Amino acid sequence: RQQYKAEQIGKFKTEALSENLKEIA
């Protein structure tokens, strides 16, 4: 239900979401 990827398991959510947002916007 959360907007993360399997390869991001173990990362802080702040770090992982930042990565995804930088790709999107």
PDB file of all heavy atoms in Angstrom:
ATOM      1  N   ARG A   1       0.795  -1.222   0.000  1.00  0.00           N
ATOM      2  CA  ARG A   1       0.000   0.000   0.000  1.00  0.00           C
ATOM      3  C   ARG A   1       0.832   1.278   0.000  1.00  0.00           C
ATOM      4  O   ARG A   1       0.267   2.366  -0.103  1.00  0.00           O
ATOM      5  CB  ARG A   1      -0.947   0.016   1.206  1.00  0.00           C
ATOM      6  CG  ARG A   1      -0.255   0.222   2.540  1.00  0.00           C
ATOM      7  CD  ARG A   1      -1.193   0.083   3.731  1.00  0.00           C
ATOM      8  NE  ARG A   1      -0.551   0.454   4.981  1.00  0.00           N
ATOM      9  CZ  ARG A   1       0.299  -0.320   5.655  1.00  0.00           C
ATOM     10  NH1 ARG A   1       0.602  -1.527   5.187  1.00  0.00           N
ATOM     11  NH2 ARG A   1       0.829   0.097   6.777  1.00  0.00           N
ATOM     12  N   GLN A   2       2.134   1.162   0.147  1.00  0.00           N
ATOM     13  CA  GLN A   2       2.978   2.348   0.231  1.00  0.00           C
ATOM     14  C   GLN A   2       3.832   2.473  -1.020  1.00  0.00           C
ATOM     15  O   GLN A   2       4.194   1.462  -1.635  1.00  0.00           O
ATOM     16  CB  GLN A   2       3.854   2.281   1.488  1.00  0.00           C
ATOM     17  CG  GLN A   2       3.023   2.181   2.768  1.00  0.00           C
ATOM     18  CD  GLN A   2       3.856   2.102   4.033  1.00  0.00           C
ATOM     19  OE1 GLN A   2       5.046   2.397   4.021  1.00  0.00           O
ATOM     20  NE2 GLN A   2       3.235   1.701   5.128  1.00  0.00           N
ATOM     21  N   GLN A   3       4.168   3.691  -1.380  1.00  0.00           N
ATOM     22  CA  GLN A   3       4.824   3.951  -2.667  1.00  0.00           C
ATOM     23  C   GLN A   3       6.343   3.770  -2.606  1.00  0.00           C
ATOM     24  O   GLN A   3       7.130   4.700  -2.809  1.00  0.00           O
ATOM     25  CB  GLN A   3       4.457   5.348  -3.149  1.00  0.00           C
ATOM     26  CG  GLN A   3       2.991   5.500  -3.495  1.00  0.00           C
ATOM     27  CD  GLN A   3       2.560   4.594  -4.626  1.00  0.00           C
ATOM     28  OE1 GLN A   3       3.313   4.362  -5.570  1.00  0.00           O
ATOM     29  NE2 GLN A   3       1.356   4.042  -4.535  1.00  0.00           N
ATOM     30  N   TYR A   4       6.713   2.507  -2.329  1.00  0.00           N
ATOM     31  CA  TYR A   4       8.127   2.139  -2.296  1.00  0.00           C
ATOM     32  C   TYR A   4       8.349   0.920  -3.174  1.00  0.00           C
ATOM     33  O   TYR A   4       7.397   0.267  -3.612  1.00  0.00           O
ATOM     34  CB  TYR A   4       8.572   1.862  -0.849  1.00  0.00           C
ATOM     35  CG  TYR A   4       8.381   3.049   0.053  1.00  0.00           C
ATOM     36  CD1 TYR A   4       7.363   3.082   0.999  1.00  0.00           C
ATOM     37  CD2 TYR A   4       9.206   4.160  -0.068  1.00  0.00           C
ATOM     38  CE1 TYR A   4       7.157   4.196   1.807  1.00  0.00           C
ATOM     39  CE2 TYR A   4       9.013   5.278   0.735  1.00  0.00           C
ATOM     40  CZ  TYR A   4       7.990   5.293   1.666  1.00  0.00           C
ATOM     41  OH  TYR A   4       7.797   6.395   2.440  1.00  0.00           O
ATOM     42  N   LYS A   5       9.608   0.609  -3.394  1.00  0.00           N
ATOM     43  CA  LYS A   5       9.982  -0.515  -4.258  1.00  0.00           C
ATOM     44  C   LYS A   5      10.650  -1.598  -3.420  1.00  0.00           C
ATOM     45  O   LYS A   5      11.228  -1.312  -2.356  1.00  0.00           O
ATOM     46  CB  LYS A   5      10.950  -0.030  -5.341  1.00  0.00           C
ATOM     47  CG  LYS A   5      10.454   1.157  -6.143  1.00  0.00           C
ATOM     48  CD  LYS A   5      11.573   1.729  -7.001  1.00  0.00           C
ATOM     49  CE  LYS A   5      11.154   3.032  -7.651  1.00  0.00           C
ATOM     50  NZ  LYS A   5      12.254   3.657  -8.421  1.00  0.00           N
ATOM     51  N   ALA A   6      10.593  -2.825  -3.913  1.00  0.00           N
ATOM     52  CA  ALA A   6      11.187  -3.947  -3.187  1.00  0.00           C
ATOM     53  C   ALA A   6      12.673  -3.702  -2.920  1.00  0.00           C
ATOM     54  O   ALA A   6      13.188  -4.060  -1.854  1.00  0.00           O
ATOM     55  CB  ALA A   6      10.991  -5.249  -3.973  1.00  0.00           C
ATOM     56  N   GLU A   7      13.346  -3.074  -3.855  1.00  0.00           N
ATOM     57  CA  GLU A   7      14.786  -2.834  -3.699  1.00  0.00           C
ATOM     58  C   GLU A   7      15.083  -1.790  -2.621  1.00  0.00           C
ATOM     59  O   GLU A   7      16.241  -1.620  -2.229  1.00  0.00           O
ATOM     60  CB  GLU A   7      15.376  -2.385  -5.031  1.00  0.00           C
ATOM     61  CG  GLU A   7      14.864  -1.037  -5.494  1.00  0.00           C
ATOM     62  CD  GLU A   7      15.301  -0.684  -6.903  1.00  0.00           C
ATOM     63  OE1 GLU A   7      15.517  -1.603  -7.706  1.00  0.00           O
ATOM     64  OE2 GLU A   7      15.417   0.523  -7.189  1.00  0.00           O
ATOM     65  N   GLN A   8      14.041  -1.099  -2.133  1.00  0.00           N
ATOM     66  CA  GLN A   8      14.244  -0.065  -1.105  1.00  0.00           C
ATOM     67  C   GLN A   8      14.002  -0.574   0.314  1.00  0.00           C
ATOM     68  O   GLN A   8      14.113   0.201   1.263  1.00  0.00           O
ATOM     69  CB  GLN A   8      13.327   1.123  -1.385  1.00  0.00           C
ATOM     70  CG  GLN A   8      13.692   1.879  -2.663  1.00  0.00           C
ATOM     71  CD  GLN A   8      12.729   3.000  -2.974  1.00  0.00           C
ATOM     72  OE1 GLN A   8      11.512   2.838  -2.856  1.00  0.00           O
ATOM     73  NE2 GLN A   8      13.261   4.146  -3.356  1.00  0.00           N
ATOM     74  N   ILE A   9      13.695  -1.843   0.466  1.00  0.00           N
ATOM     75  CA  ILE A   9      13.497  -2.414   1.802  1.00  0.00           C
ATOM     76  C   ILE A   9      14.747  -2.170   2.657  1.00  0.00           C
ATOM     77  O   ILE A   9      15.870  -2.400   2.219  1.00  0.00           O
ATOM     78  CB  ILE A   9      13.194  -3.926   1.716  1.00  0.00           C
ATOM     79  CG1 ILE A   9      11.804  -4.135   1.108  1.00  0.00           C
ATOM     80  CG2 ILE A   9      13.258  -4.582   3.095  1.00  0.00           C
ATOM     81  CD1 ILE A   9      11.488  -5.597   0.828  1.00  0.00           C
ATOM     82  N   GLY A  10      14.542  -1.687   3.855  1.00  0.00           N
ATOM     83  CA  GLY A  10      15.647  -1.403   4.769  1.00  0.00           C
ATOM     84  C   GLY A  10      16.107   0.041   4.762  1.00  0.00           C
ATOM     85  O   GLY A  10      16.812   0.470   5.683  1.00  0.00           O
ATOM     86  N   LYS A  11      15.703   0.813   3.752  1.00  0.00           N
ATOM     87  CA  LYS A  11      16.072   2.223   3.719  1.00  0.00           C
ATOM     88  C   LYS A  11      15.100   3.027   4.571  1.00  0.00           C
ATOM     89  O   LYS A  11      13.937   2.660   4.741  1.00  0.00           O
ATOM     90  CB  LYS A  11      16.011   2.765   2.277  1.00  0.00           C
ATOM     91  CG  LYS A  11      17.119   2.272   1.374  1.00  0.00           C
ATOM     92  CD  LYS A  11      17.059   2.989   0.033  1.00  0.00           C
ATOM     93  CE  LYS A  11      18.231   2.577  -0.853  1.00  0.00           C
ATOM     94  NZ  LYS A  11      18.221   3.297  -2.149  1.00  0.00           N
ATOM     95  N   PHE A  12      15.574   4.141   5.105  1.00  0.00           N
ATOM     96  CA  PHE A  12      14.661   5.061   5.765  1.00  0.00           C
ATOM     97  C   PHE A  12      13.642   5.547   4.740  1.00  0.00           C
ATOM     98  O   PHE A  12      13.977   5.802   3.572  1.00  0.00           O
ATOM     99  CB  PHE A  12      15.417   6.244   6.367  1.00  0.00           C
ATOM    100  CG  PHE A  12      16.131   5.923   7.648  1.00  0.00           C
ATOM    101  CD1 PHE A  12      17.517   5.854   7.679  1.00  0.00           C
ATOM    102  CD2 PHE A  12      15.416   5.679   8.815  1.00  0.00           C
ATOM    103  CE1 PHE A  12      18.181   5.554   8.868  1.00  0.00           C
ATOM    104  CE2 PHE A  12      16.070   5.380  10.009  1.00  0.00           C
ATOM    105  CZ  PHE A  12      17.453   5.310  10.036  1.00  0.00           C
ATOM    106  N   LYS A  13      12.399   5.687   5.187  1.00  0.00           N
ATOM    107  CA  LYS A  13      11.349   6.114   4.266  1.00  0.00           C
ATOM    108  C   LYS A  13      11.619   7.505   3.718  1.00  0.00           C
ATOM    109  O   LYS A  13      11.280   7.801   2.559  1.00  0.00           O
ATOM    110  CB  LYS A  13       9.989   6.055   4.959  1.00  0.00           C
ATOM    111  CG  LYS A  13       9.514   4.625   5.201  1.00  0.00           C
ATOM    112  CD  LYS A  13       8.148   4.578   5.864  1.00  0.00           C
ATOM    113  CE  LYS A  13       7.716   3.126   6.070  1.00  0.00           C
ATOM    114  NZ  LYS A  13       6.389   3.033   6.740  1.00  0.00           N
ATOM    115  N   THR A  14      12.202   8.369   4.511  1.00  0.00           N
ATOM    116  CA  THR A  14      12.552   9.700   4.015  1.00  0.00           C
ATOM    117  C   THR A  14      13.503   9.607   2.825  1.00  0.00           C
ATOM    118  O   THR A  14      13.351  10.314   1.834  1.00  0.00           O
ATOM    119  CB  THR A  14      13.198  10.534   5.126  1.00  0.00           C
ATOM    120  OG1 THR A  14      14.217   9.759   5.783  1.00  0.00           O
ATOM    121  CG2 THR A  14      12.168  10.974   6.159  1.00  0.00           C
ATOM    122  N   GLU A  15      14.481   8.715   2.934  1.00  0.00           N
ATOM    123  CA  GLU A  15      15.461   8.551   1.857  1.00  0.00           C
ATOM    124  C   GLU A  15      14.820   7.909   0.628  1.00  0.00           C
ATOM    125  O   GLU A  15      15.008   8.364  -0.510  1.00  0.00           O
ATOM    126  CB  GLU A  15      16.624   7.688   2.357  1.00  0.00           C
ATOM    127  CG  GLU A  15      17.678   7.377   1.304  1.00  0.00           C
ATOM    128  CD  GLU A  15      18.741   6.402   1.783  1.00  0.00           C
ATOM    129  OE1 GLU A  15      18.730   6.047   2.984  1.00  0.00           O
ATOM    130  OE2 GLU A  15      19.580   5.988   0.962  1.00  0.00           O
ATOM    131  N   ALA A  16      14.058   6.830   0.859  1.00  0.00           N
ATOM    132  CA  ALA A  16      13.458   6.095  -0.252  1.00  0.00           C
ATOM    133  C   ALA A  16      12.437   6.951  -1.002  1.00  0.00           C
ATOM    134  O   ALA A  16      12.411   6.982  -2.243  1.00  0.00           O
ATOM    135  CB  ALA A  16      12.811   4.814   0.263  1.00  0.00           C
ATOM    136  N   LEU A  17      11.584   7.662  -0.259  1.00  0.00           N
ATOM    137  CA  LEU A  17      10.575   8.477  -0.929  1.00  0.00           C
ATOM    138  C   LEU A  17      11.221   9.633  -1.673  1.00  0.00           C
ATOM    139  O   LEU A  17      10.768  10.008  -2.767  1.00  0.00           O
ATOM    140  CB  LEU A  17       9.554   8.992   0.090  1.00  0.00           C
ATOM    141  CG  LEU A  17       8.348   9.718  -0.499  1.00  0.00           C
ATOM    142  CD1 LEU A  17       7.594   8.827  -1.483  1.00  0.00           C
ATOM    143  CD2 LEU A  17       7.410  10.195   0.601  1.00  0.00           C
ATOM    144  N   SER A  18      12.278  10.203  -1.116  1.00  0.00           N
ATOM    145  CA  SER A  18      12.998  11.264  -1.821  1.00  0.00           C
ATOM    146  C   SER A  18      13.522  10.767  -3.158  1.00  0.00           C
ATOM    147  O   SER A  18      13.437  11.473  -4.177  1.00  0.00           O
ATOM    148  CB  SER A  18      14.158  11.781  -0.959  1.00  0.00           C
ATOM    149  OG  SER A  18      13.683  12.450   0.186  1.00  0.00           O
ATOM    150  N   GLU A  19      14.074   9.560  -3.169  1.00  0.00           N
ATOM    151  CA  GLU A  19      14.565   8.980  -4.422  1.00  0.00           C
ATOM    152  C   GLU A  19      13.442   8.893  -5.454  1.00  0.00           C
ATOM    153  O   GLU A  19      13.612   9.258  -6.628  1.00  0.00           O
ATOM    154  CB  GLU A  19      15.127   7.578  -4.171  1.00  0.00           C
ATOM    155  CG  GLU A  19      16.406   7.547  -3.365  1.00  0.00           C
ATOM    156  CD  GLU A  19      16.852   6.124  -3.050  1.00  0.00           C
ATOM    157  OE1 GLU A  19      16.094   5.176  -3.376  1.00  0.00           O
ATOM    158  OE2 GLU A  19      17.937   5.965  -2.467  1.00  0.00           O
ATOM    159  N   ASN A  20      12.284   8.418  -5.007  1.00  0.00           N
ATOM    160  CA  ASN A  20      11.167   8.230  -5.931  1.00  0.00           C
ATOM    161  C   ASN A  20      10.604   9.561  -6.414  1.00  0.00           C
ATOM    162  O   ASN A  20      10.245   9.710  -7.587  1.00  0.00           O
ATOM    163  CB  ASN A  20      10.076   7.402  -5.251  1.00  0.00           C
ATOM    164  CG  ASN A  20      10.562   6.009  -4.894  1.00  0.00           C
ATOM    165  OD1 ASN A  20      11.567   5.533  -5.415  1.00  0.00           O
ATOM    166  ND2 ASN A  20       9.858   5.354  -3.984  1.00  0.00           N
ATOM    167  N   LEU A  21      10.529  10.528  -5.513  1.00  0.00           N
ATOM    168  CA  LEU A  21      10.000  11.833  -5.898  1.00  0.00           C
ATOM    169  C   LEU A  21      10.921  12.554  -6.877  1.00  0.00           C
ATOM    170  O   LEU A  21      10.454  13.276  -7.759  1.00  0.00           O
ATOM    171  CB  LEU A  21       9.779  12.692  -4.654  1.00  0.00           C
ATOM    172  CG  LEU A  21       8.637  12.254  -3.733  1.00  0.00           C
ATOM    173  CD1 LEU A  21       8.634  13.100  -2.464  1.00  0.00           C
ATOM    174  CD2 LEU A  21       7.297  12.359  -4.435  1.00  0.00           C
ATOM    175  N   LYS A  22      12.213  12.363  -6.733  1.00  0.00           N
ATOM    176  CA  LYS A  22      13.159  13.002  -7.649  1.00  0.00           C
ATOM    177  C   LYS A  22      13.021  12.441  -9.054  1.00  0.00           C
ATOM    178  O   LYS A  22      13.298  13.136 -10.042  1.00  0.00           O
ATOM    179  CB  LYS A  22      14.595  12.835  -7.135  1.00  0.00           C
ATOM    180  CG  LYS A  22      14.892  13.719  -5.926  1.00  0.00           C
ATOM    181  CD  LYS A  22      16.260  13.429  -5.327  1.00  0.00           C
ATOM    182  CE  LYS A  22      16.496  14.270  -4.082  1.00  0.00           C
ATOM    183  NZ  LYS A  22      17.788  13.938  -3.424  1.00  0.00           N
ATOM    184  N   GLU A  23      12.593  11.195  -9.165  1.00  0.00           N
ATOM    185  CA  GLU A  23      12.330  10.615 -10.476  1.00  0.00           C
ATOM    186  C   GLU A  23      11.024  11.150 -11.057  1.00  0.00           C
ATOM    187  O   GLU A  23      10.905  11.373 -12.257  1.00  0.00           O
ATOM    188  CB  GLU A  23      12.246   9.087 -10.375  1.00  0.00           C
ATOM    189  CG  GLU A  23      13.549   8.409 -10.020  1.00  0.00           C
ATOM    190  CD  GLU A  23      13.392   6.895  -9.904  1.00  0.00           C
ATOM    191  OE1 GLU A  23      12.276   6.394 -10.159  1.00  0.00           O
ATOM    192  OE2 GLU A  23      14.375   6.229  -9.554  1.00  0.00           O
ATOM    193  N   ILE A  24      10.036  11.350 -10.197  1.00  0.00           N
ATOM    194  CA  ILE A  24       8.708  11.762 -10.637  1.00  0.00           C
ATOM    195  C   ILE A  24       8.639  13.257 -10.920  1.00  0.00           C
ATOM    196  O   ILE A  24       8.071  13.688 -11.930  1.00  0.00           O
ATOM    197  CB  ILE A  24       7.662  11.386  -9.564  1.00  0.00           C
ATOM    198  CG1 ILE A  24       7.526   9.863  -9.477  1.00  0.00           C
ATOM    199  CG2 ILE A  24       6.309  12.037  -9.844  1.00  0.00           C
ATOM    200  CD1 ILE A  24       6.752   9.399  -8.268  1.00  0.00           C
ATOM    201  N   ALA A  25       9.184  14.048 -10.013  1.00  0.00           N
ATOM    202  CA  ALA A  25       9.093  15.513 -10.106  1.00  0.00           C
ATOM    203  C   ALA A  25      10.445  16.113  -9.744  1.00  0.00           C
ATOM    204  O   ALA A  25      10.667  16.531  -8.602  1.00  0.00           O
ATOM    205  CB  ALA A  25       8.002  16.037  -9.173  1.00  0.00           C
TER     206      ALA A  25
END
